Amino acid sequence: MPLGSKFRATARRRRRPVRRPSRQRRAVRNRTEDVRFRPKTFFYGERTFHCPRAYIDCESIFEHEVTMVSKQLMAASTRPIILAILARGEDYGYSIIQKVRDISGGRLEWTDGMLYPVLQRMEMDGLIASKWRAAQGSRPRRYYRITGPGRQELESELSGWRSVWKALSVLSDPVAVET
């Protein structure tokens, strides 16, 4: 490598000017002095929860975690819930999402990105059937209804959930556990 090429390469590089932090970053630093963003401690029964200094409201996260259903339980209950709703009558996707939210009191939050693949799989399995229908003044909607095999699957799922509920109620009863 020629001697001059090394020096030319460094000469071409320019130093960037040192910048002050943006207003937004300076504001973030100042937030730590605000009372709302100091660490918080929560007491729930005998348990203590410490929420570190953050830029989000720790209390709302804590309440959200207590009331929401776990993803595993939601995934396990999706098919029987859909079948139970469709056993009452045919319905379309968005209405199913609203009914689940209303029935669960907001603890089950389904999205259309979660629901429609499940409906498609259930239709391929023959548990439900669908057809497009247009109501007056609105765009066409795909209505789903339960089939005969779907009703049998619903009965099977319900008996399984009843068994799980019975076992949990026995195990959670302090008198039954001690004996």
Protein backbone atom coordinates (compact mmCIF):
# COMPACT_ATOMS: atom_id res chain seq x y z
CA MET A 1 0.00 0.00 0.00
CA PRO A 2 1.49 3.35 -0.96
CA LEU A 3 2.29 5.63 1.90
CA GLY A 4 0.18 8.53 0.67
CA SER A 5 -3.08 6.51 0.36
CA LYS A 6 -3.38 6.03 4.12
CA PHE A 7 -3.17 9.74 4.77
CA ARG A 8 -5.57 10.61 1.99
CA ALA A 9 -8.23 8.26 3.42
CA THR A 10 -8.09 9.88 6.84
CA ALA A 11 -8.12 13.33 5.33
CA ARG A 12 -11.30 12.53 3.45
CA ARG A 13 -13.11 11.62 6.63
CA ARG A 14 -14.63 14.61 8.26
CA ARG A 15 -15.42 14.90 11.86
CA ARG A 16 -19.04 15.38 12.67
CA PRO A 17 -19.90 18.29 14.91
CA VAL A 18 -20.83 17.42 18.47
CA ARG A 19 -24.55 17.88 18.88
CA ARG A 20 -26.49 18.77 21.93
CA PRO A 21 -29.24 16.32 22.86
CA SER A 22 -32.53 17.13 21.23
CA ARG A 23 -35.29 18.83 23.17
CA GLN A 24 -37.11 15.54 23.40
CA ARG A 25 -34.13 13.78 25.01
CA ARG A 26 -33.59 16.65 27.43
CA ALA A 27 -37.27 16.42 28.40
CA VAL A 28 -36.89 12.69 29.04
CA ARG A 29 -34.01 13.36 31.43
CA ASN A 30 -36.08 15.93 33.29
CA ARG A 31 -38.99 13.50 33.67
CA THR A 32 -37.09 11.45 36.22
CA GLU A 33 -37.39 14.36 38.62
CA ASP A 34 -41.17 14.37 38.21
CA VAL A 35 -43.11 12.61 40.98
CA ARG A 36 -45.18 10.67 38.44
CA PHE A 37 -42.09 8.90 37.12
CA ARG A 38 -40.45 7.85 40.38
CA PRO A 39 -40.34 4.16 41.30
CA LYS A 40 -43.62 2.89 42.71
CA THR A 41 -44.37 0.06 45.10
CA PHE A 42 -47.63 -1.88 45.06
CA PHE A 43 -48.99 -4.12 47.78
CA TYR A 44 -51.33 -6.88 46.67
CA GLY A 45 -52.25 -9.16 49.55
CA GLU A 46 -48.98 -10.30 51.09
CA ARG A 47 -47.03 -9.73 47.87
CA THR A 48 -45.06 -6.58 47.13
CA PHE A 49 -44.40 -5.37 43.59
CA HIS A 50 -41.75 -2.79 42.74
CA CYS A 51 -42.15 -0.90 39.50
CA PRO A 52 -38.86 0.68 38.33
CA ARG A 53 -38.62 4.24 37.12
CA ALA A 54 -40.28 4.28 33.73
CA TYR A 55 -42.02 6.56 31.30
CA ILE A 56 -45.30 4.67 31.44
CA ASP A 57 -47.91 4.46 34.13
CA CYS A 58 -47.02 1.43 36.26
CA GLU A 59 -50.44 1.25 37.92
CA SER A 60 -52.28 0.64 34.66
CA ILE A 61 -49.89 -2.17 33.73
CA PHE A 62 -50.36 -3.78 37.12
CA GLU A 63 -54.15 -3.69 36.83
CA HIS A 64 -53.94 -4.97 33.25
CA GLU A 65 -51.86 -7.99 34.26
CA VAL A 66 -54.23 -8.94 37.06
CA THR A 67 -57.39 -8.85 34.97
CA MET A 68 -56.30 -10.28 31.60
CA VAL A 69 -56.43 -13.99 30.78
CA SER A 70 -53.15 -15.69 29.89
CA LYS A 71 -52.35 -16.36 26.24
CA GLN A 72 -52.25 -20.12 26.80
CA LEU A 73 -55.71 -20.18 28.35
CA MET A 74 -57.05 -17.92 25.62
CA ALA A 75 -55.63 -20.17 22.91
CA ALA A 76 -57.09 -23.28 24.54
CA SER A 77 -60.55 -21.76 24.90
CA THR A 78 -60.86 -20.18 21.44
CA ARG A 79 -62.50 -23.08 19.58
CA PRO A 80 -65.10 -23.96 22.24
CA ILE A 81 -66.05 -20.30 22.69
CA ILE A 82 -66.52 -19.83 18.94
CA LEU A 83 -68.56 -23.03 18.70
CA ALA A 84 -70.71 -22.01 21.68
CA ILE A 85 -71.43 -18.60 20.13
CA LEU A 86 -72.30 -20.15 16.78
CA ALA A 87 -74.52 -22.75 18.49
CA ARG A 88 -76.82 -19.83 19.40
CA GLY A 89 -77.09 -18.77 15.75
CA GLU A 90 -75.03 -17.75 12.75
CA ASP A 91 -72.81 -14.72 13.12
CA TYR A 92 -69.99 -12.81 11.40
CA GLY A 93 -66.42 -12.31 12.61
CA TYR A 94 -66.47 -8.82 14.08
CA SER A 95 -69.68 -9.57 15.95
CA ILE A 96 -68.04 -12.68 17.45
CA ILE A 97 -65.14 -10.52 18.69
CA GLN A 98 -67.59 -8.07 20.30
CA LYS A 99 -69.59 -10.87 21.95
CA VAL A 100 -66.45 -12.43 23.42
CA ARG A 101 -65.38 -9.05 24.82
CA ASP A 102 -68.86 -8.44 26.29
CA ILE A 103 -69.27 -11.94 27.76
CA SER A 104 -65.81 -11.90 29.37
CA GLY A 105 -66.19 -8.39 30.73
CA GLY A 106 -63.18 -7.25 28.69
CA ARG A 107 -60.82 -9.93 29.98
CA LEU A 108 -60.63 -11.69 26.61
CA GLU A 109 -59.42 -9.30 23.92
CA TRP A 110 -59.52 -11.00 20.54
CA THR A 111 -58.29 -9.40 17.35
CA ASP A 112 -59.38 -10.11 13.81
CA GLY A 113 -55.83 -11.29 13.09
CA MET A 114 -56.32 -14.01 15.68
CA LEU A 115 -59.95 -14.91 14.95
CA TYR A 116 -60.06 -15.30 11.18
CA PRO A 117 -57.28 -17.93 10.88
CA VAL A 118 -59.06 -19.98 13.57
CA LEU A 119 -62.37 -19.66 11.72
CA GLN A 120 -60.66 -20.73 8.50
CA ARG A 121 -59.12 -23.80 10.17
CA MET A 122 -62.44 -24.72 11.77
CA GLU A 123 -64.14 -24.44 8.37
CA MET A 124 -61.50 -26.69 6.79
CA ASP A 125 -62.08 -29.21 9.61
CA GLY A 126 -65.82 -29.18 8.86
CA LEU A 127 -66.85 -27.79 12.25
CA ILE A 128 -68.40 -24.63 10.79
CA ALA A 129 -69.66 -23.46 7.40
CA SER A 130 -69.76 -19.97 5.96
CA LYS A 131 -71.51 -17.96 3.30
CA TRP A 132 -71.32 -14.38 2.08
CA ARG A 133 -74.37 -12.21 2.61
CA ALA A 134 -74.91 -8.51 1.96
CA ALA A 135 -77.19 -6.52 4.22
CA GLN A 136 -78.94 -3.43 2.92
CA GLY A 137 -76.69 -0.39 2.95
CA SER A 138 -73.56 -2.25 4.07
CA ARG A 139 -70.83 -4.27 2.48
CA PRO A 140 -71.06 -8.08 2.26
CA ARG A 141 -70.19 -10.02 5.39
CA ARG A 142 -69.16 -13.62 5.81
CA TYR A 143 -71.59 -15.35 8.15
CA TYR A 144 -70.52 -18.51 9.98
CA ARG A 145 -72.75 -21.28 11.31
CA ILE A 146 -72.07 -24.45 13.26
CA THR A 147 -72.37 -27.85 11.54
CA GLY A 148 -73.30 -31.30 12.91
CA PRO A 149 -69.67 -32.30 13.56
CA GLY A 150 -69.19 -28.88 15.14
CA ARG A 151 -71.99 -29.57 17.64
CA GLN A 152 -70.39 -32.91 18.54
CA GLU A 153 -67.02 -31.18 18.98
CA LEU A 154 -68.67 -28.55 21.19
CA GLU A 155 -70.17 -31.24 23.46
CA SER A 156 -66.78 -32.96 23.68
CA GLU A 157 -64.99 -29.69 24.48
CA LEU A 158 -67.60 -28.70 27.08
CA SER A 159 -67.32 -32.02 28.90
CA GLY A 160 -63.53 -31.62 28.97
CA TRP A 161 -63.78 -28.07 30.35
CA ARG A 162 -66.32 -29.22 32.95
CA SER A 163 -63.85 -31.89 34.12
CA VAL A 164 -61.07 -29.32 34.40
CA TRP A 165 -63.35 -26.89 36.26
CA LYS A 166 -64.44 -29.65 38.66
CA ALA A 167 -60.82 -30.59 39.41
CA LEU A 168 -59.84 -26.95 39.95
CA SER A 169 -62.80 -26.29 42.24
CA VAL A 170 -61.91 -29.33 44.35
CA LEU A 171 -58.24 -28.32 44.51
CA SER A 172 -59.00 -24.70 45.37
CA ASP A 173 -61.34 -25.66 48.23
CA PRO A 174 -59.18 -25.51 51.41
CA VAL A 175 -61.35 -28.08 53.23
CA ALA A 176 -61.04 -30.61 50.40
CA VAL A 177 -57.25 -30.13 50.16
CA GLU A 178 -56.65 -30.78 53.87
CA THR A 179 -58.59 -34.07 53.91
